[in-house]
Amino acid sequence: MRESAFQGTDLAGQITIVTAGNTGISLETTKTLATAGATIIVPARDIEKATKTWRALPT
């Protein structure tokens, strides 16, 4: 498992917005924030592509 920048940080109750959070480095940022407990809002231009990406992620 990779070491996270947020390792040991509890972001429960925090809301973040990650633009383009369904691709590339923003997707990795989104995953890391979610692992730390944050609620994440991900604006996306292509809702079908974003939905497909999110459904493929482990919960």
Protein backbone atom coordinates (compact mmCIF):
# COMPACT_ATOMS: atom_id res chain seq x y z
CA MET A 1 0.00 0.00 0.00
CA ARG A 2 1.26 3.46 -0.88
CA GLU A 3 1.86 5.99 1.84
CA SER A 4 -0.71 8.76 1.66
CA ALA A 5 -0.20 12.46 2.16
CA PHE A 6 -3.24 12.28 4.44
CA GLN A 7 -2.18 9.15 6.34
CA GLY A 8 -3.41 9.44 9.90
CA THR A 9 -5.58 12.45 9.06
CA ASP A 10 -9.32 12.25 9.71
CA LEU A 11 -11.18 14.36 7.16
CA ALA A 12 -14.63 13.17 8.26
CA GLY A 13 -17.05 16.09 8.07
CA GLN A 14 -14.89 17.96 5.55
CA ILE A 15 -16.26 18.68 2.08
CA THR A 16 -13.89 18.97 -0.86
CA ILE A 17 -14.37 19.81 -4.52
CA VAL A 18 -11.99 18.16 -6.99
CA THR A 19 -12.33 19.40 -10.56
CA ALA A 20 -11.74 16.69 -13.18
CA GLY A 21 -11.76 14.25 -10.27
CA ASN A 22 -12.72 11.31 -12.42
CA THR A 23 -9.47 11.15 -14.44
CA GLY A 24 -5.71 11.25 -14.02
CA ILE A 25 -4.03 12.75 -11.00
CA SER A 26 -7.30 14.31 -9.86
CA LEU A 27 -8.81 10.82 -9.63
CA GLU A 28 -5.91 9.74 -7.41
CA THR A 29 -6.44 12.84 -5.27
CA THR A 30 -10.13 12.03 -5.01
CA LYS A 31 -9.38 8.45 -3.90
CA THR A 32 -6.92 9.68 -1.28
CA LEU A 33 -9.34 12.24 0.13
CA ALA A 34 -12.11 9.63 0.25
CA THR A 35 -9.85 7.20 2.09
CA ALA A 36 -9.24 9.94 4.68
CA GLY A 37 -13.02 10.27 5.16
CA ALA A 38 -13.78 13.45 3.23
CA THR A 39 -17.00 14.03 1.35
CA ILE A 40 -16.04 14.80 -2.23
CA ILE A 41 -17.88 16.73 -4.92
CA VAL A 42 -16.61 15.97 -8.42
CA PRO A 43 -17.93 18.20 -11.21
CA ALA A 44 -17.76 16.37 -14.54
CA ARG A 45 -18.52 17.33 -18.13
CA ASP A 46 -19.22 13.75 -19.19
CA ILE A 47 -21.55 12.24 -16.58
CA GLU A 48 -21.58 8.82 -18.28
CA LYS A 49 -17.78 8.56 -18.19
CA ALA A 50 -17.65 9.78 -14.60
CA THR A 51 -20.33 7.32 -13.50
CA LYS A 52 -18.51 4.46 -15.19
CA THR A 53 -15.27 5.42 -13.41
CA TRP A 54 -16.94 5.66 -10.00
CA ARG A 55 -18.74 2.34 -10.34
CA ALA A 56 -15.39 0.62 -11.08
CA LEU A 57 -13.85 1.85 -7.81
CA PRO A 58 -13.85 -0.37 -4.73
CA THR A 59 -16.03 0.88 -1.90
